């Protein structure tokens, strides 16, 4: 019990350390916590998608650069033949 979605109801005699109580499910607080968790997960997923998009763009740019270098190298070799 983390105290977020439950409420303790009861009484305790602090002199005798005796009492009665129970835990009650707090549905309203549970709904709030669930909404916060879902928002946090969605923000995390969005940041992950943005990161993956940047990585994909970087990889594509790098591949394009390598392809261009290969073409230039082939052109240089071709020119040396003639």
C-alpha atoms as a PDB file:
ATOM      1  CA  UNK A   1       0.000   0.000   0.000  1.00  0.00           C
ATOM      2  CA  UNK A   2       1.660   3.167  -1.176  1.00  0.00           C
ATOM      3  CA  UNK A   3      -0.945   5.500   0.303  1.00  0.00           C
ATOM      4  CA  UNK A   4      -1.883   7.036  -3.037  1.00  0.00           C
ATOM      5  CA  UNK A   5      -5.025   5.122  -3.871  1.00  0.00           C
ATOM      6  CA  UNK A   6      -6.079   3.992  -0.410  1.00  0.00           C
ATOM      7  CA  UNK A   7      -7.219   5.852   2.655  1.00  0.00           C
ATOM      8  CA  UNK A   8      -6.864   4.595   6.216  1.00  0.00           C
ATOM      9  CA  UNK A   9      -9.918   5.138   8.400  1.00  0.00           C
ATOM     10  CA  UNK A  10     -10.016   4.354  12.054  1.00  0.00           C
ATOM     11  CA  UNK A  11      -8.736   5.391  15.441  1.00  0.00           C
ATOM     12  CA  UNK A  12      -5.676   4.679  17.573  1.00  0.00           C
ATOM     13  CA  UNK A  13      -5.231   5.143  21.312  1.00  0.00           C
ATOM     14  CA  UNK A  14      -1.667   6.425  21.409  1.00  0.00           C
ATOM     15  CA  UNK A  15      -1.267   5.631  25.125  1.00  0.00           C
ATOM     16  CA  UNK A  16      -2.208   1.970  24.788  1.00  0.00           C
ATOM     17  CA  UNK A  17      -1.241   1.639  21.102  1.00  0.00           C
ATOM     18  CA  UNK A  18      -4.595   0.057  20.479  1.00  0.00           C
ATOM     19  CA  UNK A  19      -7.176   0.845  17.850  1.00  0.00           C
ATOM     20  CA  UNK A  20      -9.280  -0.180  14.919  1.00  0.00           C
ATOM     21  CA  UNK A  21      -8.987   0.810  11.288  1.00  0.00           C
ATOM     22  CA  UNK A  22      -9.350  -0.227   7.701  1.00  0.00           C
ATOM     23  CA  UNK A  23      -8.061   0.724   4.255  1.00  0.00           C
ATOM     24  CA  UNK A  24     -10.550   2.127   1.760  1.00  0.00           C
ATOM     25  CA  UNK A  25      -9.939   2.334  -1.966  1.00  0.00           C
ATOM     26  CA  UNK A  26      -9.857   5.967  -3.132  1.00  0.00           C
ATOM     27  CA  UNK A  27     -11.295   5.719  -6.643  1.00  0.00           C
ATOM     28  CA  UNK A  28     -11.027   9.447  -7.392  1.00  0.00           C
ATOM     29  CA  UNK A  29      -7.328   9.595  -6.495  1.00  0.00           C
ATOM     30  CA  UNK A  30      -6.677   6.365  -8.418  1.00  0.00           C
ATOM     31  CA  UNK A  31      -8.221   7.929 -11.551  1.00  0.00           C
ATOM     32  CA  UNK A  32      -6.014  11.022 -11.130  1.00  0.00           C
ATOM     33  CA  UNK A  33      -2.885   8.913 -10.716  1.00  0.00           C
ATOM     34  CA  UNK A  34      -3.827   6.796 -13.728  1.00  0.00           C
ATOM     35  CA  UNK A  35      -4.300   9.916 -15.888  1.00  0.00           C
ATOM     36  CA  UNK A  36      -0.936  11.312 -14.767  1.00  0.00           C
ATOM     37  CA  UNK A  37       0.805   8.032 -15.529  1.00  0.00           C
ATOM     38  CA  UNK A  38      -0.774   7.824 -18.994  1.00  0.00           C
ATOM     39  CA  UNK A  39       0.318  11.409 -19.768  1.00  0.00           C
ATOM     40  CA  UNK A  40       3.838  10.657 -18.605  1.00  0.00           C
ATOM     41  CA  UNK A  41       3.996   7.517 -20.755  1.00  0.00           C
ATOM     42  CA  UNK A  42       2.688   9.425 -23.782  1.00  0.00           C
ATOM     43  CA  UNK A  43       5.341  12.157 -23.316  1.00  0.00           C
ATOM     44  CA  UNK A  44       8.019   9.477 -23.020  1.00  0.00           C
ATOM     45  CA  UNK A  45       6.801   7.738 -26.181  1.00  0.00           C
ATOM     46  CA  UNK A  46       6.693  11.063 -28.066  1.00  0.00           C
ATOM     47  CA  UNK A  47      10.283  11.857 -27.054  1.00  0.00           C
ATOM     48  CA  UNK A  48      11.330   8.367 -28.100  1.00  0.00           C
ATOM     49  CA  UNK A  49       9.671   8.797 -31.515  1.00  0.00           C
ATOM     50  CA  UNK A  50      11.394  12.176 -31.966  1.00  0.00           C
ATOM     51  CA  UNK A  51      14.752  10.652 -31.072  1.00  0.00           C
ATOM     52  CA  UNK A  52      14.240   7.749 -33.477  1.00  0.00           C
ATOM     53  CA  UNK A  53      13.257  10.182 -36.256  1.00  0.00           C
ATOM     54  CA  UNK A  54      16.429  12.196 -35.666  1.00  0.00           C
ATOM     55  CA  UNK A  55      18.518   9.027 -35.681  1.00  0.00           C
ATOM     56  CA  UNK A  56      16.845   7.858 -38.885  1.00  0.00           C
ATOM     57  CA  UNK A  57      17.541  11.233 -40.519  1.00  0.00           C
ATOM     58  CA  UNK A  58      21.153  11.167 -39.359  1.00  0.00           C
ATOM     59  CA  UNK A  59      21.647   7.637 -40.695  1.00  0.00           C
ATOM     60  CA  UNK A  60      20.059   8.563 -44.033  1.00  0.00           C
ATOM     61  CA  UNK A  61      22.214  11.688 -44.311  1.00  0.00           C
ATOM     62  CA  UNK A  62      25.312   9.643 -43.527  1.00  0.00           C
ATOM     63  CA  UNK A  63      24.355   6.982 -46.090  1.00  0.00           C
ATOM     64  CA  UNK A  64      23.722   9.671 -48.732  1.00  0.00           C
ATOM     65  CA  UNK A  65      27.137  11.168 -47.995  1.00  0.00           C
ATOM     66  CA  UNK A  66      28.813   7.769 -48.311  1.00  0.00           C
ATOM     67  CA  UNK A  67      26.985   7.097 -51.587  1.00  0.00           C
ATOM     68  CA  UNK A  68      28.140  10.466 -52.922  1.00  0.00           C
ATOM     69  CA  UNK A  69      31.749   9.706 -51.949  1.00  0.00           C
ATOM     70  CA  UNK A  70      31.536   6.350 -53.753  1.00  0.00           C
ATOM     71  CA  UNK A  71      30.180   8.037 -56.894  1.00  0.00           C
ATOM     72  CA  UNK A  72      32.939  10.645 -56.827  1.00  0.00           C
ATOM     73  CA  UNK A  73      35.519   7.910 -56.365  1.00  0.00           C
ATOM     74  CA  UNK A  74      34.123   5.971 -59.302  1.00  0.00           C
ATOM     75  CA  UNK A  75      34.115   9.111 -61.442  1.00  0.00           C
ATOM     76  CA  UNK A  76      37.771   9.793 -60.553  1.00  0.00           C
ATOM     77  CA  UNK A  77      38.726   6.231 -61.475  1.00  0.00           C
ATOM     78  CA  UNK A  78      36.792   6.518 -64.728  1.00  0.00           C
ATOM     79  CA  UNK A  79      38.562   9.794 -65.581  1.00  0.00           C
ATOM     80  CA  UNK A  80      41.957   8.217 -64.897  1.00  0.00           C
ATOM     81  CA  UNK A  81      41.201   5.554 -67.478  1.00  0.00           C
ATOM     82  CA  UNK A  82      40.778   8.144 -70.208  1.00  0.00           C
END
